[in-house]
Amino acid sequence: MKLWELVSVCRSEPYIVDRLGDRAEWAVHLDWARRAAELTRDQLDQELPDEACAHVLEASSLVLWLSDGYLRLRDSGTGGVSLPAAEVFRRYGGRILEDVCEYGLVQIP
């Protein structure tokens, strides 16, 4: 997951990005996340360790819905399965998670 994707997914809960400070090796990413508006494209495109992203997303209250081959931001009422953000990240990756947050709906490949 890229830095900008994590910051985007966490935009409604920006405080959870502070969990990057829980490990010394992630500290530079925490600093960059806090200064995202000032960073270069190269810095924003840095791939974060999967373990760091999962750790941050474990604290998220974001729940997405899987039904009929689509991942949705809201329950469609069709008997979908709810998935926490961290589980969506583990299953489908950061780009899918960010796309759902941005567009509200993504077809699962």
PDB file of N, CA and C in Angstrom:
ATOM      1  N   MET A   1       0.856  -1.168   0.000  1.00  0.00           N
ATOM      2  CA  MET A   1       0.000   0.000   0.000  1.00  0.00           C
ATOM      3  C   MET A   1       0.897   1.224   0.000  1.00  0.00           C
ATOM      4  N   LYS A   2       0.551   2.184  -0.819  1.00  0.00           N
ATOM      5  CA  LYS A   2       1.336   3.418  -0.882  1.00  0.00           C
ATOM      6  C   LYS A   2       0.926   4.356   0.260  1.00  0.00           C
ATOM      7  N   LEU A   3       1.842   5.231   0.612  1.00  0.00           N
ATOM      8  CA  LEU A   3       1.582   6.176   1.693  1.00  0.00           C
ATOM      9  C   LEU A   3       0.318   6.978   1.440  1.00  0.00           C
ATOM     10  N   TRP A   4       0.165   7.513   0.235  1.00  0.00           N
ATOM     11  CA  TRP A   4      -1.006   8.340  -0.053  1.00  0.00           C
ATOM     12  C   TRP A   4      -2.293   7.531   0.053  1.00  0.00           C
ATOM     13  N   GLU A   5      -2.257   6.240  -0.278  1.00  0.00           N
ATOM     14  CA  GLU A   5      -3.450   5.405  -0.173  1.00  0.00           C
ATOM     15  C   GLU A   5      -3.855   5.223   1.288  1.00  0.00           C
ATOM     16  N   LEU A   6      -2.865   4.975   2.149  1.00  0.00           N
ATOM     17  CA  LEU A   6      -3.171   4.825   3.568  1.00  0.00           C
ATOM     18  C   LEU A   6      -3.742   6.117   4.143  1.00  0.00           C
ATOM     19  N   VAL A   7      -3.124   7.235   3.823  1.00  0.00           N
ATOM     20  CA  VAL A   7      -3.616   8.527   4.318  1.00  0.00           C
ATOM     21  C   VAL A   7      -5.045   8.772   3.817  1.00  0.00           C
ATOM     22  N   SER A   8      -5.305   8.442   2.571  1.00  0.00           N
ATOM     23  CA  SER A   8      -6.638   8.628   1.997  1.00  0.00           C
ATOM     24  C   SER A   8      -7.677   7.746   2.689  1.00  0.00           C
ATOM     25  N   VAL A   9      -7.361   6.474   2.883  1.00  0.00           N
ATOM     26  CA  VAL A   9      -8.291   5.553   3.536  1.00  0.00           C
ATOM     27  C   VAL A   9      -8.589   6.001   4.970  1.00  0.00           C
ATOM     28  N   CYS A  10      -7.605   6.592   5.617  1.00  0.00           N
ATOM     29  CA  CYS A  10      -7.749   7.004   7.013  1.00  0.00           C
ATOM     30  C   CYS A  10      -8.242   8.445   7.163  1.00  0.00           C
ATOM     31  N   ARG A  11      -8.696   9.059   6.106  1.00  0.00           N
ATOM     32  CA  ARG A  11      -9.054  10.484   6.172  1.00  0.00           C
ATOM     33  C   ARG A  11     -10.171  10.790   7.162  1.00  0.00           C
ATOM     34  N   SER A  12     -11.083   9.843   7.398  1.00  0.00           N
ATOM     35  CA  SER A  12     -12.141  10.111   8.382  1.00  0.00           C
ATOM     36  C   SER A  12     -11.706   9.760   9.808  1.00  0.00           C
ATOM     37  N   GLU A  13     -10.552   9.087   9.936  1.00  0.00           N
ATOM     38  CA  GLU A  13      -9.995   8.716  11.234  1.00  0.00           C
ATOM     39  C   GLU A  13      -8.485   8.976  11.219  1.00  0.00           C
ATOM     40  N   PRO A  14      -8.062  10.212  10.981  1.00  0.00           N
ATOM     41  CA  PRO A  14      -6.627  10.465  10.786  1.00  0.00           C
ATOM     42  C   PRO A  14      -5.752  10.095  11.980  1.00  0.00           C
ATOM     43  N   TYR A  15      -6.315  10.064  13.156  1.00  0.00           N
ATOM     44  CA  TYR A  15      -5.556   9.731  14.363  1.00  0.00           C
ATOM     45  C   TYR A  15      -5.026   8.297  14.353  1.00  0.00           C
ATOM     46  N   ILE A  16      -5.643   7.385  13.609  1.00  0.00           N
ATOM     47  CA  ILE A  16      -5.160   6.000  13.623  1.00  0.00           C
ATOM     48  C   ILE A  16      -3.822   5.849  12.901  1.00  0.00           C
ATOM     49  N   VAL A  17      -3.486   6.812  12.040  1.00  0.00           N
ATOM     50  CA  VAL A  17      -2.184   6.777  11.371  1.00  0.00           C
ATOM     51  C   VAL A  17      -1.062   6.893  12.399  1.00  0.00           C
ATOM     52  N   ASP A  18      -1.361   7.473  13.545  1.00  0.00           N
ATOM     53  CA  ASP A  18      -0.357   7.578  14.613  1.00  0.00           C
ATOM     54  C   ASP A  18       0.156   6.210  15.065  1.00  0.00           C
ATOM     55  N   ARG A  19      -0.553   5.148  14.732  1.00  0.00           N
ATOM     56  CA  ARG A  19      -0.100   3.797  15.080  1.00  0.00           C
ATOM     57  C   ARG A  19       1.198   3.435  14.358  1.00  0.00           C
ATOM     58  N   LEU A  20       1.545   4.192  13.313  1.00  0.00           N
ATOM     59  CA  LEU A  20       2.841   3.984  12.660  1.00  0.00           C
ATOM     60  C   LEU A  20       3.986   4.269  13.629  1.00  0.00           C
ATOM     61  N   GLY A  21       3.722   5.031  14.673  1.00  0.00           N
ATOM     62  CA  GLY A  21       4.728   5.332  15.681  1.00  0.00           C
ATOM     63  C   GLY A  21       4.950   4.206  16.679  1.00  0.00           C
ATOM     64  N   ASP A  22       4.186   3.134  16.564  1.00  0.00           N
ATOM     65  CA  ASP A  22       4.323   2.013  17.495  1.00  0.00           C
ATOM     66  C   ASP A  22       5.603   1.197  17.281  1.00  0.00           C
ATOM     67  N   ARG A  23       6.236   1.361  16.128  1.00  0.00           N
ATOM     68  CA  ARG A  23       7.491   0.643  15.843  1.00  0.00           C
ATOM     69  C   ARG A  23       8.503   1.642  15.288  1.00  0.00           C
ATOM     70  N   ALA A  24       9.713   1.566  15.772  1.00  0.00           N
ATOM     71  CA  ALA A  24      10.763   2.517  15.377  1.00  0.00           C
ATOM     72  C   ALA A  24      11.002   2.522  13.872  1.00  0.00           C
ATOM     73  N   GLU A  25      10.932   1.355  13.240  1.00  0.00           N
ATOM     74  CA  GLU A  25      11.210   1.289  11.801  1.00  0.00           C
ATOM     75  C   GLU A  25      10.111   1.923  10.942  1.00  0.00           C
ATOM     76  N   TRP A  26       8.967   2.217  11.538  1.00  0.00           N
ATOM     77  CA  TRP A  26       7.892   2.880  10.802  1.00  0.00           C
ATOM     78  C   TRP A  26       7.852   4.380  11.062  1.00  0.00           C
ATOM     79  N   ALA A  27       8.703   4.894  11.913  1.00  0.00           N
ATOM     80  CA  ALA A  27       8.647   6.298  12.341  1.00  0.00           C
ATOM     81  C   ALA A  27       8.737   7.279  11.182  1.00  0.00           C
ATOM     82  N   VAL A  28       9.573   7.012  10.210  1.00  0.00           N
ATOM     83  CA  VAL A  28       9.681   7.925   9.067  1.00  0.00           C
ATOM     84  C   VAL A  28       8.345   8.005   8.324  1.00  0.00           C
ATOM     85  N   HIS A  29       7.626   6.890   8.264  1.00  0.00           N
ATOM     86  CA  HIS A  29       6.326   6.884   7.587  1.00  0.00           C
ATOM     87  C   HIS A  29       5.294   7.703   8.363  1.00  0.00           C
ATOM     88  N   LEU A  30       5.382   7.662   9.684  1.00  0.00           N
ATOM     89  CA  LEU A  30       4.485   8.479  10.498  1.00  0.00           C
ATOM     90  C   LEU A  30       4.746   9.954  10.237  1.00  0.00           C
ATOM     91  N   ASP A  31       6.006  10.345  10.227  1.00  0.00           N
ATOM     92  CA  ASP A  31       6.355  11.732   9.938  1.00  0.00           C
ATOM     93  C   ASP A  31       5.821  12.146   8.575  1.00  0.00           C
ATOM     94  N   TRP A  32       6.016  11.301   7.592  1.00  0.00           N
ATOM     95  CA  TRP A  32       5.546  11.625   6.234  1.00  0.00           C
ATOM     96  C   TRP A  32       4.018  11.686   6.182  1.00  0.00           C
ATOM     97  N   ALA A  33       3.350  10.783   6.862  1.00  0.00           N
ATOM     98  CA  ALA A  33       1.885  10.791   6.859  1.00  0.00           C
ATOM     99  C   ALA A  33       1.345  12.086   7.461  1.00  0.00           C
ATOM    100  N   ARG A  34       2.006  12.563   8.503  1.00  0.00           N
ATOM    101  CA  ARG A  34       1.575  13.812   9.141  1.00  0.00           C
ATOM    102  C   ARG A  34       1.828  15.025   8.251  1.00  0.00           C
ATOM    103  N   ARG A  35       2.806  14.906   7.341  1.00  0.00           N
ATOM    104  CA  ARG A  35       3.150  16.021   6.457  1.00  0.00           C
ATOM    105  C   ARG A  35       2.780  15.737   4.997  1.00  0.00           C
ATOM    106  N   ALA A  36       1.787  14.904   4.781  1.00  0.00           N
ATOM    107  CA  ALA A  36       1.444  14.440   3.436  1.00  0.00           C
ATOM    108  C   ALA A  36       1.227  15.586   2.445  1.00  0.00           C
ATOM    109  N   ALA A  37       0.634  16.666   2.892  1.00  0.00           N
ATOM    110  CA  ALA A  37       0.357  17.789   1.989  1.00  0.00           C
ATOM    111  C   ALA A  37       1.628  18.461   1.479  1.00  0.00           C
ATOM    112  N   GLU A  38       2.738  18.260   2.173  1.00  0.00           N
ATOM    113  CA  GLU A  38       4.007  18.907   1.811  1.00  0.00           C
ATOM    114  C   GLU A  38       4.939  17.999   1.010  1.00  0.00           C
ATOM    115  N   LEU A  39       4.590  16.741   0.841  1.00  0.00           N
ATOM    116  CA  LEU A  39       5.509  15.770   0.264  1.00  0.00           C
ATOM    117  C   LEU A  39       5.543  15.783  -1.258  1.00  0.00           C
ATOM    118  N   THR A  40       6.612  15.239  -1.784  1.00  0.00           N
ATOM    119  CA  THR A  40       6.741  15.077  -3.235  1.00  0.00           C
ATOM    120  C   THR A  40       5.974  13.829  -3.652  1.00  0.00           C
ATOM    121  N   ARG A  41       5.734  13.729  -4.933  1.00  0.00           N
ATOM    122  CA  ARG A  41       5.037  12.553  -5.469  1.00  0.00           C
ATOM    123  C   ARG A  41       5.810  11.264  -5.156  1.00  0.00           C
ATOM    124  N   ASP A  42       7.130  11.329  -5.257  1.00  0.00           N
ATOM    125  CA  ASP A  42       7.943  10.148  -4.956  1.00  0.00           C
ATOM    126  C   ASP A  42       7.754   9.679  -3.518  1.00  0.00           C
ATOM    127  N   GLN A  43       7.671  10.616  -2.595  1.00  0.00           N
ATOM    128  CA  GLN A  43       7.468  10.248  -1.193  1.00  0.00           C
ATOM    129  C   GLN A  43       6.065   9.675  -0.983  1.00  0.00           C
ATOM    130  N   LEU A  44       5.072  10.302  -1.586  1.00  0.00           N
ATOM    131  CA  LEU A  44       3.695   9.823  -1.443  1.00  0.00           C
ATOM    132  C   LEU A  44       3.506   8.438  -2.046  1.00  0.00           C
ATOM    133  N   ASP A  45       4.299   8.113  -3.066  1.00  0.00           N
ATOM    134  CA  ASP A  45       4.200   6.816  -3.732  1.00  0.00           C
ATOM    135  C   ASP A  45       5.026   5.724  -3.068  1.00  0.00           C
ATOM    136  N   GLN A  46       5.659   6.032  -1.946  1.00  0.00           N
ATOM    137  CA  GLN A  46       6.441   5.022  -1.231  1.00  0.00           C
ATOM    138  C   GLN A  46       5.527   3.887  -0.780  1.00  0.00           C
ATOM    139  N   GLU A  47       5.965   2.663  -1.045  1.00  0.00           N
ATOM    140  CA  GLU A  47       5.238   1.488  -0.560  1.00  0.00           C
ATOM    141  C   GLU A  47       5.539   1.312   0.928  1.00  0.00           C
ATOM    142  N   LEU A  48       4.506   1.175   1.699  1.00  0.00           N
ATOM    143  CA  LEU A  48       4.655   0.943   3.135  1.00  0.00           C
ATOM    144  C   LEU A  48       4.706  -0.559   3.396  1.00  0.00           C
ATOM    145  N   PRO A  49       5.343  -0.963   4.474  1.00  0.00           N
ATOM    146  CA  PRO A  49       5.335  -2.390   4.818  1.00  0.00           C
ATOM    147  C   PRO A  49       3.898  -2.861   5.071  1.00  0.00           C
ATOM    148  N   ASP A  50       3.557  -4.032   4.557  1.00  0.00           N
ATOM    149  CA  ASP A  50       2.210  -4.570   4.756  1.00  0.00           C
ATOM    150  C   ASP A  50       1.858  -4.659   6.237  1.00  0.00           C
ATOM    151  N   GLU A  51       2.830  -5.044   7.043  1.00  0.00           N
ATOM    152  CA  GLU A  51       2.593  -5.175   8.482  1.00  0.00           C
ATOM    153  C   GLU A  51       2.203  -3.828   9.100  1.00  0.00           C
ATOM    154  N   ALA A  52       2.817  -2.748   8.642  1.00  0.00           N
ATOM    155  CA  ALA A  52       2.504  -1.412   9.155  1.00  0.00           C
ATOM    156  C   ALA A  52       1.089  -1.003   8.763  1.00  0.00           C
ATOM    157  N   CYS A  53       0.734  -1.250   7.524  1.00  0.00           N
ATOM    158  CA  CYS A  53      -0.613  -0.897   7.050  1.00  0.00           C
ATOM    159  C   CYS A  53      -1.679  -1.686   7.809  1.00  0.00           C
ATOM    160  N   ALA A  54      -1.460  -2.984   7.945  1.00  0.00           N
ATOM    161  CA  ALA A  54      -2.417  -3.814   8.673  1.00  0.00           C
ATOM    162  C   ALA A  54      -2.553  -3.335  10.116  1.00  0.00           C
ATOM    163  N   HIS A  55      -1.432  -2.969  10.733  1.00  0.00           N
ATOM    164  CA  HIS A  55      -1.452  -2.480  12.115  1.00  0.00           C
ATOM    165  C   HIS A  55      -2.295  -1.207  12.240  1.00  0.00           C
ATOM    166  N   VAL A  56      -2.127  -0.296  11.319  1.00  0.00           N
ATOM    167  CA  VAL A  56      -2.923   0.944  11.330  1.00  0.00           C
ATOM    168  C   VAL A  56      -4.393   0.620  11.100  1.00  0.00           C
ATOM    169  N   LEU A  57      -4.674  -0.190  10.099  1.00  0.00           N
ATOM    170  CA  LEU A  57      -6.062  -0.464   9.722  1.00  0.00           C
ATOM    171  C   LEU A  57      -6.813  -1.295  10.755  1.00  0.00           C
ATOM    172  N   GLU A  58      -6.091  -2.033  11.589  1.00  0.00           N
ATOM    173  CA  GLU A  58      -6.745  -2.778  12.685  1.00  0.00           C
ATOM    174  C   GLU A  58      -7.512  -1.836  13.611  1.00  0.00           C
ATOM    175  N   ALA A  59      -7.091  -0.595  13.701  1.00  0.00           N
ATOM    176  CA  ALA A  59      -7.740   0.379  14.589  1.00  0.00           C
ATOM    177  C   ALA A  59      -8.894   1.120  13.904  1.00  0.00           C
ATOM    178  N   SER A  60      -9.110   0.850  12.642  1.00  0.00           N
ATOM    179  CA  SER A  60     -10.148   1.558  11.894  1.00  0.00           C
ATOM    180  C   SER A  60     -11.538   1.008  12.204  1.00  0.00           C
ATOM    181  N   SER A  61     -12.502   1.889  12.243  1.00  0.00           N
ATOM    182  CA  SER A  61     -13.895   1.468  12.411  1.00  0.00           C
ATOM    183  C   SER A  61     -14.584   1.284  11.055  1.00  0.00           C
ATOM    184  N   LEU A  62     -13.849   1.495   9.978  1.00  0.00           N
ATOM    185  CA  LEU A  62     -14.393   1.362   8.628  1.00  0.00           C
ATOM    186  C   LEU A  62     -14.780  -0.085   8.345  1.00  0.00           C
ATOM    187  N   VAL A  63     -16.010  -0.270   7.902  1.00  0.00           N
ATOM    188  CA  VAL A  63     -16.524  -1.582   7.511  1.00  0.00           C
ATOM    189  C   VAL A  63     -17.029  -1.474   6.083  1.00  0.00           C
ATOM    190  N   LEU A  64     -16.631  -2.423   5.257  1.00  0.00           N
ATOM    191  CA  LEU A  64     -17.050  -2.464   3.859  1.00  0.00           C
ATOM    192  C   LEU A  64     -17.921  -3.698   3.656  1.00  0.00           C
ATOM    193  N   TRP A  65     -18.608  -3.742   2.521  1.00  0.00           N
ATOM    194  CA  TRP A  65     -19.575  -4.811   2.268  1.00  0.00           C
ATOM    195  C   TRP A  65     -19.248  -5.529   0.971  1.00  0.00           C
ATOM    196  N   LEU A  66     -19.202  -6.843   1.038  1.00  0.00           N
ATOM    197  CA  LEU A  66     -18.923  -7.682  -0.116  1.00  0.00           C
ATOM    198  C   LEU A  66     -20.197  -8.417  -0.505  1.00  0.00           C
ATOM    199  N   SER A  67     -20.632  -8.202  -1.758  1.00  0.00           N
ATOM    200  CA  SER A  67     -21.804  -8.924  -2.270  1.00  0.00           C
ATOM    201  C   SER A  67     -21.812  -8.871  -3.787  1.00  0.00           C
ATOM    202  N   ASP A  68     -22.252  -9.950  -4.379  1.00  0.00           N
ATOM    203  CA  ASP A  68     -22.419 -10.039  -5.826  1.00  0.00           C
ATOM    204  C   ASP A  68     -21.171  -9.653  -6.610  1.00  0.00           C
ATOM    205  N   GLY A  69     -19.984  -9.968  -6.080  1.00  0.00           N
ATOM    206  CA  GLY A  69     -18.736  -9.676  -6.779  1.00  0.00           C
ATOM    207  C   GLY A  69     -18.274  -8.236  -6.669  1.00  0.00           C
ATOM    208  N   TYR A  70     -18.912  -7.472  -5.812  1.00  0.00           N
ATOM    209  CA  TYR A  70     -18.548  -6.070  -5.608  1.00  0.00           C
ATOM    210  C   TYR A  70     -18.233  -5.819  -4.144  1.00  0.00           C
ATOM    211  N   LEU A  71     -17.320  -4.913  -3.933  1.00  0.00           N
ATOM    212  CA  LEU A  71     -17.007  -4.418  -2.603  1.00  0.00           C
ATOM    213  C   LEU A  71     -17.580  -3.014  -2.535  1.00  0.00           C
ATOM    214  N   ARG A  72     -18.381  -2.771  -1.497  1.00  0.00           N
ATOM    215  CA  ARG A  72     -19.106  -1.510  -1.390  1.00  0.00           C
ATOM    216  C   ARG A  72     -18.776  -0.790  -0.084  1.00  0.00           C
ATOM    217  N   LEU A  73     -18.923   0.514  -0.141  1.00  0.00           N
ATOM    218  CA  LEU A  73     -18.752   1.336   1.045  1.00  0.00           C
ATOM    219  C   LEU A  73     -19.976   1.243   1.958  1.00  0.00           C
ATOM    220  N   ARG A  74     -21.118   0.960   1.373  1.00  0.00           N
ATOM    221  CA  ARG A  74     -22.368   0.861   2.126  1.00  0.00           C
ATOM    222  C   ARG A  74     -23.038  -0.482   1.828  1.00  0.00           C
ATOM    223  N   ASP A  75     -23.811  -0.949   2.767  1.00  0.00           N
ATOM    224  CA  ASP A  75     -24.550  -2.195   2.587  1.00  0.00           C
ATOM    225  C   ASP A  75     -25.596  -1.995   1.489  1.00  0.00           C
ATOM    226  N   SER A  76     -25.623  -2.895   0.521  1.00  0.00           N
ATOM    227  CA  SER A  76     -26.572  -2.779  -0.587  1.00  0.00           C
ATOM    228  C   SER A  76     -27.918  -3.404  -0.257  1.00  0.00           C
ATOM    229  N   GLY A  77     -28.011  -4.075   0.887  1.00  0.00           N
ATOM    230  CA  GLY A  77     -29.263  -4.716   1.265  1.00  0.00           C
ATOM    231  C   GLY A  77     -29.477  -6.049   0.569  1.00  0.00           C
ATOM    232  N   THR A  78     -28.446  -6.585  -0.047  1.00  0.00           N
ATOM    233  CA  THR A  78     -28.570  -7.852  -0.782  1.00  0.00           C
ATOM    234  C   THR A  78     -27.954  -9.026  -0.022  1.00  0.00           C
ATOM    235  N   GLY A  79     -27.796  -8.875   1.267  1.00  0.00           N
ATOM    236  CA  GLY A  79     -27.257  -9.968   2.062  1.00  0.00           C
ATOM    237  C   GLY A  79     -25.752 -10.105   1.976  1.00  0.00           C
ATOM    238  N   GLY A  80     -25.073  -9.004   1.830  1.00  0.00           N
ATOM    239  CA  GLY A  80     -23.622  -9.026   1.729  1.00  0.00           C
ATOM    240  C   GLY A  80     -22.940  -9.354   3.046  1.00  0.00           C
ATOM    241  N   VAL A  81     -21.644  -9.554   2.956  1.00  0.00           N
ATOM    242  CA  VAL A  81     -20.815  -9.857   4.112  1.00  0.00           C
ATOM    243  C   VAL A  81     -20.043  -8.597   4.497  1.00  0.00           C
ATOM    244  N   SER A  82     -20.063  -8.260   5.774  1.00  0.00           N
ATOM    245  CA  SER A  82     -19.312  -7.087   6.224  1.00  0.00           C
ATOM    246  C   SER A  82     -17.865  -7.496   6.488  1.00  0.00           C
ATOM    247  N   LEU A  83     -16.955  -6.620   6.068  1.00  0.00           N
ATOM    248  CA  LEU A  83     -15.521  -6.857   6.260  1.00  0.00           C
ATOM    249  C   LEU A  83     -14.868  -5.602   6.820  1.00  0.00           C
ATOM    250  N   PRO A  84     -14.116  -5.729   7.911  1.00  0.00           N
ATOM    251  CA  PRO A  84     -13.375  -4.574   8.417  1.00  0.00           C
ATOM    252  C   PRO A  84     -12.283  -4.166   7.429  1.00  0.00           C
ATOM    253  N   ALA A  85     -11.872  -2.933   7.490  1.00  0.00           N
ATOM    254  CA  ALA A  85     -10.865  -2.396   6.568  1.00  0.00           C
ATOM    255  C   ALA A  85      -9.591  -3.234   6.546  1.00  0.00           C
ATOM    256  N   ALA A  86      -9.134  -3.694   7.702  1.00  0.00           N
ATOM    257  CA  ALA A  86      -7.903  -4.488   7.762  1.00  0.00           C
ATOM    258  C   ALA A  86      -8.055  -5.794   6.985  1.00  0.00           C
ATOM    259  N   GLU A  87      -9.220  -6.400   7.047  1.00  0.00           N
ATOM    260  CA  GLU A  87      -9.460  -7.650   6.317  1.00  0.00           C
ATOM    261  C   GLU A  87      -9.513  -7.397   4.805  1.00  0.00           C
ATOM    262  N   VAL A  88     -10.130  -6.300   4.406  1.00  0.00           N
ATOM    263  CA  VAL A  88     -10.151  -5.935   2.984  1.00  0.00           C
ATOM    264  C   VAL A  88      -8.722  -5.725   2.491  1.00  0.00           C
ATOM    265  N   PHE A  89      -7.909  -5.053   3.278  1.00  0.00           N
ATOM    266  CA  PHE A  89      -6.508  -4.848   2.912  1.00  0.00           C
ATOM    267  C   PHE A  89      -5.793  -6.185   2.738  1.00  0.00           C
ATOM    268  N   ARG A  90      -5.981  -7.093   3.685  1.00  0.00           N
ATOM    269  CA  ARG A  90      -5.299  -8.391   3.610  1.00  0.00           C
ATOM    270  C   ARG A  90      -5.739  -9.192   2.381  1.00  0.00           C
ATOM    271  N   ARG A  91      -7.026  -9.157   2.101  1.00  0.00           N
ATOM    272  CA  ARG A  91      -7.557  -9.953   0.983  1.00  0.00           C
ATOM    273  C   ARG A  91      -7.274  -9.349  -0.389  1.00  0.00           C
ATOM    274  N   TYR A  92      -7.446  -8.029  -0.494  1.00  0.00           N
ATOM    275  CA  TYR A  92      -7.461  -7.402  -1.813  1.00  0.00           C
ATOM    276  C   TYR A  92      -6.397  -6.332  -2.037  1.00  0.00           C
ATOM    277  N   GLY A  93      -5.750  -5.885  -0.968  1.00  0.00           N
ATOM    278  CA  GLY A  93      -4.689  -4.893  -1.101  1.00  0.00           C
ATOM    279  C   GLY A  93      -5.159  -3.461  -0.919  1.00  0.00           C
ATOM    280  N   GLY A  94      -4.177  -2.584  -0.845  1.00  0.00           N
ATOM    281  CA  GLY A  94      -4.423  -1.176  -0.564  1.00  0.00           C
ATOM    282  C   GLY A  94      -5.121  -0.421  -1.674  1.00  0.00           C
ATOM    283  N   ARG A  95      -4.799  -0.744  -2.909  1.00  0.00           N
ATOM    284  CA  ARG A  95      -5.422  -0.019  -4.031  1.00  0.00           C
ATOM    285  C   ARG A  95      -6.928  -0.257  -4.074  1.00  0.00           C
ATOM    286  N   ILE A  96      -7.365  -1.508  -3.899  1.00  0.00           N
ATOM    287  CA  ILE A  96      -8.805  -1.815  -3.887  1.00  0.00           C
ATOM    288  C   ILE A  96      -9.477  -1.092  -2.724  1.00  0.00           C
ATOM    289  N   LEU A  97      -8.857  -1.142  -1.561  1.00  0.00           N
ATOM    290  CA  LEU A  97      -9.419  -0.480  -0.386  1.00  0.00           C
ATOM    291  C   LEU A  97      -9.577   1.011  -0.626  1.00  0.00           C
ATOM    292  N   GLU A  98      -8.557   1.642  -1.161  1.00  0.00           N
ATOM    293  CA  GLU A  98      -8.629   3.083  -1.425  1.00  0.00           C
ATOM    294  C   GLU A  98      -9.675   3.385  -2.496  1.00  0.00           C
ATOM    295  N   ASP A  99      -9.745   2.564  -3.526  1.00  0.00           N
ATOM    296  CA  ASP A  99     -10.741   2.783  -4.594  1.00  0.00           C
ATOM    297  C   ASP A  99     -12.161   2.703  -4.054  1.00  0.00           C
ATOM    298  N   VAL A 100     -12.440   1.753  -3.176  1.00  0.00           N
ATOM    299  CA  VAL A 100     -13.780   1.655  -2.588  1.00  0.00           C
ATOM    300  C   VAL A 100     -14.084   2.908  -1.781  1.00  0.00           C
ATOM    301  N   CYS A 101     -13.122   3.366  -0.996  1.00  0.00           N
ATOM    302  CA  CYS A 101     -13.330   4.583  -0.198  1.00  0.00           C
ATOM    303  C   CYS A 101     -13.551   5.801  -1.094  1.00  0.00           C
ATOM    304  N   GLU A 102     -12.872   5.853  -2.214  1.00  0.00           N
ATOM    305  CA  GLU A 102     -12.982   6.986  -3.125  1.00  0.00           C
ATOM    306  C   GLU A 102     -14.264   6.943  -3.969  1.00  0.00           C
ATOM    307  N   TYR A 103     -14.593   5.774  -4.500  1.00  0.00           N
ATOM    308  CA  TYR A 103     -15.695   5.678  -5.470  1.00  0.00           C
ATOM    309  C   TYR A 103     -16.954   5.032  -4.921  1.00  0.00           C
ATOM    310  N   GLY A 104     -16.854   4.360  -3.772  1.00  0.00           N
ATOM    311  CA  GLY A 104     -18.023   3.759  -3.164  1.00  0.00           C
ATOM    312  C   GLY A 104     -18.317   2.338  -3.592  1.00  0.00           C
ATOM    313  N   LEU A 105     -17.699   1.892  -4.694  1.00  0.00           N
ATOM    314  CA  LEU A 105     -17.996   0.577  -5.240  1.00  0.00           C
ATOM    315  C   LEU A 105     -16.848   0.136  -6.145  1.00  0.00           C
ATOM    316  N   VAL A 106     -16.414  -1.116  -5.980  1.00  0.00           N
ATOM    317  CA  VAL A 106     -15.367  -1.666  -6.833  1.00  0.00           C
ATOM    318  C   VAL A 106     -15.715  -3.121  -7.112  1.00  0.00           C
ATOM    319  N   GLN A 107     -15.577  -3.501  -8.380  1.00  0.00           N
ATOM    320  CA  GLN A 107     -15.756  -4.908  -8.729  1.00  0.00           C
ATOM    321  C   GLN A 107     -14.500  -5.668  -8.317  1.00  0.00           C
ATOM    322  N   ILE A 108     -14.698  -6.797  -7.658  1.00  0.00           N
ATOM    323  CA  ILE A 108     -13.563  -7.599  -7.220  1.00  0.00           C
ATOM    324  C   ILE A 108     -13.089  -8.447  -8.403  1.00  0.00           C
ATOM    325  N   PRO A 109     -11.778  -8.377  -8.681  1.00  0.00           N
ATOM    326  CA  PRO A 109     -11.269  -9.150  -9.823  1.00  0.00           C
ATOM    327  C   PRO A 109     -11.333 -10.651  -9.569  1.00  0.00           C
TER     328      PRO A 109
END
